[in-house]
Amino acid sequence: MINGSFTVAIDGPAAAGKGTIAKAVARYFDFEHLDTGLLYRAVGVKTRQSGDAVSIAQNLDISDLRRDDLRTAAAAEAASQVATNSDVRAALLAFQREFARRAGGAVLDGRDIGTVVCPQAEVKLFVTASPEIRAERRFAELCAQGAKTTFEAVLADVTARDARDQNRATAPMRPADDALLLDTTKLSIDAAVTMAVANIKKAMQGRD
């Protein structure tokens, strides 16, 4: 385990593979992992059920991230909507930053980790892939869950989410200037993880 704090920021659009890469990296280095998208999914789902999004974000508990309804298409849509609210983002910012600087190392994946949440992260990665490839992955995932949908509908949803995430006024999704780009359109996840691990090791050596 690393001495002190060490933050790995992993950003990218939906279904690009950033969550899988983040988990693999966290396991490899024995870092704690936070899927920041779950924060927004939890706020979005709870807001749709009842309540004010900002108040819910301010009072979010780690137990809220263990709900079994956060991986659905509805939760993803709800998350994308509340994520455009600058007050919601501000309420969740302190939680994420505190997690990021915990002793022993941390991996956070989301859409604005390297640019807004942790601009001083020791390592920044941006994981992406073509909209069509990401829609194929999400479609297969939803079908495996028993959801009734079409590839065309999933592709339209992916494209719409990209537009919202990239064009929102607060913390738009974009690669940090010093982020390593990992395009998984034709790159396997294993290869992407290998590249990520090598990049992190290099950063660690630079601190010695």
Protein backbone atom coordinates (compact mmCIF):
# COMPACT_ATOMS: atom_id res chain seq x y z
CA MET A 1 0.00 0.00 0.00
CA ILE A 2 1.23 3.47 -0.85
CA ASN A 3 2.16 5.87 1.94
CA GLY A 4 -0.05 8.94 2.12
CA SER A 5 -2.57 9.86 -0.57
CA PHE A 6 -2.45 9.13 -4.28
CA THR A 7 -5.38 9.90 -6.56
CA VAL A 8 -6.23 8.31 -9.90
CA ALA A 9 -8.92 10.23 -11.79
CA ILE A 10 -10.71 8.33 -14.56
CA ASP A 11 -13.23 10.14 -16.76
CA GLY A 12 -15.21 9.29 -19.85
CA PRO A 13 -18.69 8.82 -21.33
CA ALA A 14 -21.14 6.03 -20.53
CA ALA A 15 -20.19 2.44 -21.45
CA ALA A 16 -16.65 3.34 -22.53
CA GLY A 17 -15.18 0.98 -19.95
CA LYS A 18 -13.99 3.45 -17.33
CA GLY A 19 -15.74 1.64 -14.47
CA THR A 20 -14.21 -1.70 -15.39
CA ILE A 21 -10.78 -0.13 -15.75
CA ALA A 22 -11.18 1.76 -12.46
CA LYS A 23 -12.06 -1.41 -10.56
CA ALA A 24 -9.16 -3.32 -12.11
CA VAL A 25 -6.70 -0.55 -11.28
CA ALA A 26 -8.00 -0.31 -7.71
CA ARG A 27 -7.58 -4.07 -7.24
CA TYR A 28 -4.08 -4.03 -8.72
CA PHE A 29 -2.79 -1.26 -6.45
CA ASP A 30 -5.05 -2.04 -3.47
CA PHE A 31 -6.63 1.43 -3.71
CA GLU A 32 -10.14 2.34 -2.60
CA HIS A 33 -12.57 2.89 -5.49
CA LEU A 34 -15.47 5.31 -5.85
CA ASP A 35 -17.84 5.21 -8.81
CA THR A 36 -18.95 8.84 -8.60
CA GLY A 37 -21.74 8.15 -11.06
CA LEU A 38 -23.48 6.25 -8.28
CA LEU A 39 -23.67 9.48 -6.29
CA TYR A 40 -25.66 11.11 -9.07
CA ARG A 41 -27.71 7.98 -9.72
CA ALA A 42 -28.65 7.80 -6.04
CA VAL A 43 -29.62 11.48 -5.99
CA GLY A 44 -31.55 11.11 -9.25
CA VAL A 45 -33.50 8.04 -8.14
CA LYS A 46 -34.33 9.50 -4.73
CA THR A 47 -35.38 12.80 -6.36
CA ARG A 48 -37.78 11.01 -8.70
CA GLN A 49 -39.31 9.19 -5.75
CA SER A 50 -39.73 12.31 -3.64
CA GLY A 51 -37.83 15.33 -2.48
CA ASP A 52 -35.55 18.12 -3.60
CA ALA A 53 -32.39 17.14 -5.48
CA VAL A 54 -30.13 19.63 -3.70
CA SER A 55 -31.33 18.62 -0.23
CA ILE A 56 -30.93 14.94 -1.11
CA ALA A 57 -27.39 15.56 -2.38
CA GLN A 58 -26.46 17.45 0.78
CA ASN A 59 -27.64 14.57 2.95
CA LEU A 60 -26.50 11.62 0.86
CA ASP A 61 -25.09 8.72 2.85
CA ILE A 62 -22.66 6.04 1.70
CA SER A 63 -25.42 3.48 2.29
CA ASP A 64 -27.45 5.14 -0.48
CA LEU A 65 -24.85 3.88 -2.96
CA ARG A 66 -25.74 0.27 -2.15
CA ARG A 67 -29.30 0.46 -3.50
CA ASP A 68 -30.11 -2.30 -5.96
CA ASP A 69 -31.85 0.02 -8.43
CA LEU A 70 -28.89 2.23 -9.36
CA ARG A 71 -27.75 0.25 -12.42
CA THR A 72 -30.96 0.61 -14.41
CA ALA A 73 -31.51 2.73 -17.50
CA ALA A 74 -34.00 4.85 -15.52
CA ALA A 75 -31.37 5.56 -12.87
CA ALA A 76 -28.85 6.54 -15.54
CA GLU A 77 -31.35 8.96 -17.08
CA ALA A 78 -32.20 10.44 -13.69
CA ALA A 79 -28.50 10.87 -12.90
CA SER A 80 -27.83 12.70 -16.15
CA GLN A 81 -30.66 15.12 -15.40
CA VAL A 82 -29.68 16.03 -11.83
CA ALA A 83 -26.00 16.25 -12.85
CA THR A 84 -26.81 19.42 -14.80
CA ASN A 85 -27.80 21.13 -11.51
CA SER A 86 -24.79 23.14 -10.30
CA ASP A 87 -26.07 23.11 -6.70
CA VAL A 88 -26.24 19.30 -6.72
CA ARG A 89 -22.70 19.10 -8.08
CA ALA A 90 -21.45 21.50 -5.42
CA ALA A 91 -23.10 19.48 -2.66
CA LEU A 92 -21.35 16.28 -3.79
CA LEU A 93 -17.97 17.86 -4.44
CA ALA A 94 -16.67 17.81 -0.85
CA PHE A 95 -17.62 14.14 -0.45
CA GLN A 96 -15.63 13.20 -3.54
CA ARG A 97 -12.58 15.29 -2.67
CA GLU A 98 -12.38 13.88 0.84
CA PHE A 99 -12.55 10.35 -0.57
CA ALA A 100 -9.87 11.14 -3.15
CA ARG A 101 -7.24 12.18 -0.61
CA ARG A 102 -7.73 9.28 1.78
CA ALA A 103 -4.55 7.55 2.91
CA GLY A 104 -3.52 4.51 0.92
CA GLY A 105 -4.66 5.69 -2.52
CA ALA A 106 -7.99 6.18 -4.26
CA VAL A 107 -9.46 5.69 -7.73
CA LEU A 108 -12.45 7.81 -8.73
CA ASP A 109 -14.29 7.44 -12.01
CA GLY A 110 -16.84 9.85 -13.43
CA ARG A 111 -17.08 12.66 -15.96
CA ASP A 112 -15.32 15.61 -14.32
CA ILE A 113 -12.85 14.04 -11.89
CA GLY A 114 -9.66 15.17 -13.59
CA THR A 115 -10.98 18.60 -14.55
CA VAL A 116 -13.06 19.70 -11.56
CA VAL A 117 -13.15 17.26 -8.63
CA CYS A 118 -9.44 16.39 -8.50
CA PRO A 119 -7.49 18.63 -10.88
CA GLN A 120 -4.35 17.87 -8.85
CA ALA A 121 -4.73 14.09 -9.18
CA GLU A 122 -1.42 12.29 -9.64
CA VAL A 123 -2.82 10.34 -12.61
CA LYS A 124 -5.62 11.29 -15.00
CA LEU A 125 -7.14 8.99 -17.59
CA PHE A 126 -9.90 9.64 -20.12
CA VAL A 127 -11.59 6.48 -21.38
CA THR A 128 -13.72 6.75 -24.50
CA ALA A 129 -15.12 4.76 -27.44
CA SER A 130 -17.39 5.41 -30.40
CA PRO A 131 -21.10 5.97 -29.63
CA GLU A 132 -22.02 2.85 -31.63
CA ILE A 133 -19.65 0.59 -29.71
CA ARG A 134 -20.80 2.01 -26.39
CA ALA A 135 -24.44 1.53 -27.39
CA GLU A 136 -23.73 -2.10 -28.31
CA ARG A 137 -22.20 -2.70 -24.88
CA ARG A 138 -25.05 -1.00 -23.04
CA PHE A 139 -27.67 -2.80 -25.16
CA ALA A 140 -26.12 -6.19 -24.31
CA GLU A 141 -25.99 -5.24 -20.64
CA LEU A 142 -29.65 -4.19 -20.58
CA CYS A 143 -30.76 -7.30 -22.44
CA ALA A 144 -28.92 -9.45 -19.92
CA GLN A 145 -30.91 -7.67 -17.22
CA GLY A 146 -34.15 -8.55 -19.01
CA ALA A 147 -34.90 -5.02 -20.18
CA LYS A 148 -37.08 -4.62 -23.26
CA THR A 149 -35.43 -2.10 -25.57
CA THR A 150 -33.80 -1.77 -28.99
CA PHE A 151 -30.29 -0.94 -30.11
CA GLU A 152 -31.62 2.19 -31.81
CA ALA A 153 -33.22 3.38 -28.58
CA VAL A 154 -30.04 2.75 -26.60
CA LEU A 155 -27.91 4.55 -29.19
CA ALA A 156 -30.25 7.54 -29.07
CA ASP A 157 -29.99 7.57 -25.27
CA VAL A 158 -26.17 7.36 -25.38
CA THR A 159 -26.02 10.23 -27.88
CA ALA A 160 -28.41 12.37 -25.84
CA ARG A 161 -26.43 11.76 -22.63
CA ASP A 162 -23.19 12.67 -24.38
CA ALA A 163 -24.73 15.95 -25.54
CA ARG A 164 -25.94 16.81 -22.04
CA ASP A 165 -22.65 15.87 -20.40
CA GLN A 166 -20.50 17.73 -22.91
CA ASN A 167 -22.61 20.86 -23.17
CA ARG A 168 -23.75 21.49 -19.59
CA ALA A 169 -22.74 24.88 -18.19
CA THR A 170 -21.22 23.41 -15.03
CA ALA A 171 -18.32 20.93 -15.23
CA PRO A 172 -18.81 19.72 -18.81
CA MET A 173 -17.30 16.34 -19.64
CA ARG A 174 -13.95 16.71 -21.38
CA PRO A 175 -10.46 15.24 -21.07
CA ALA A 176 -8.09 17.06 -18.73
CA ASP A 177 -5.20 18.60 -20.64
CA ASP A 178 -2.76 16.14 -19.02
CA ALA A 179 -4.97 13.04 -19.20
CA LEU A 180 -3.92 9.83 -20.92
CA LEU A 181 -6.50 8.99 -23.61
CA LEU A 182 -7.65 5.36 -23.73
CA ASP A 183 -9.92 4.71 -26.73
CA THR A 184 -11.54 1.30 -26.23
CA THR A 185 -13.35 1.26 -29.58
CA LYS A 186 -10.76 -1.24 -30.84
CA LEU A 187 -8.64 -1.54 -27.69
CA SER A 188 -9.47 -4.43 -25.39
CA ILE A 189 -10.19 -3.72 -21.74
CA ASP A 190 -7.19 -5.85 -20.73
CA ALA A 191 -4.92 -3.78 -22.96
CA ALA A 192 -6.42 -0.56 -21.60
CA VAL A 193 -5.86 -1.74 -18.01
CA THR A 194 -2.26 -2.61 -18.85
CA MET A 195 -1.71 0.90 -20.22
CA ALA A 196 -3.37 2.46 -17.19
CA VAL A 197 -1.29 0.43 -14.74
CA ALA A 198 1.93 1.36 -16.55
CA ASN A 199 0.98 5.04 -16.45
CA ILE A 200 0.24 4.87 -12.72
CA LYS A 201 3.50 3.04 -11.96
CA LYS A 202 5.41 5.73 -13.83
CA ALA A 203 3.70 8.45 -11.77
CA MET A 204 4.50 6.59 -8.56
CA GLN A 205 8.16 6.34 -9.52
CA GLY A 206 8.20 10.06 -10.18
CA ARG A 207 7.18 10.69 -6.57
CA ASP A 208 10.06 8.66 -5.13
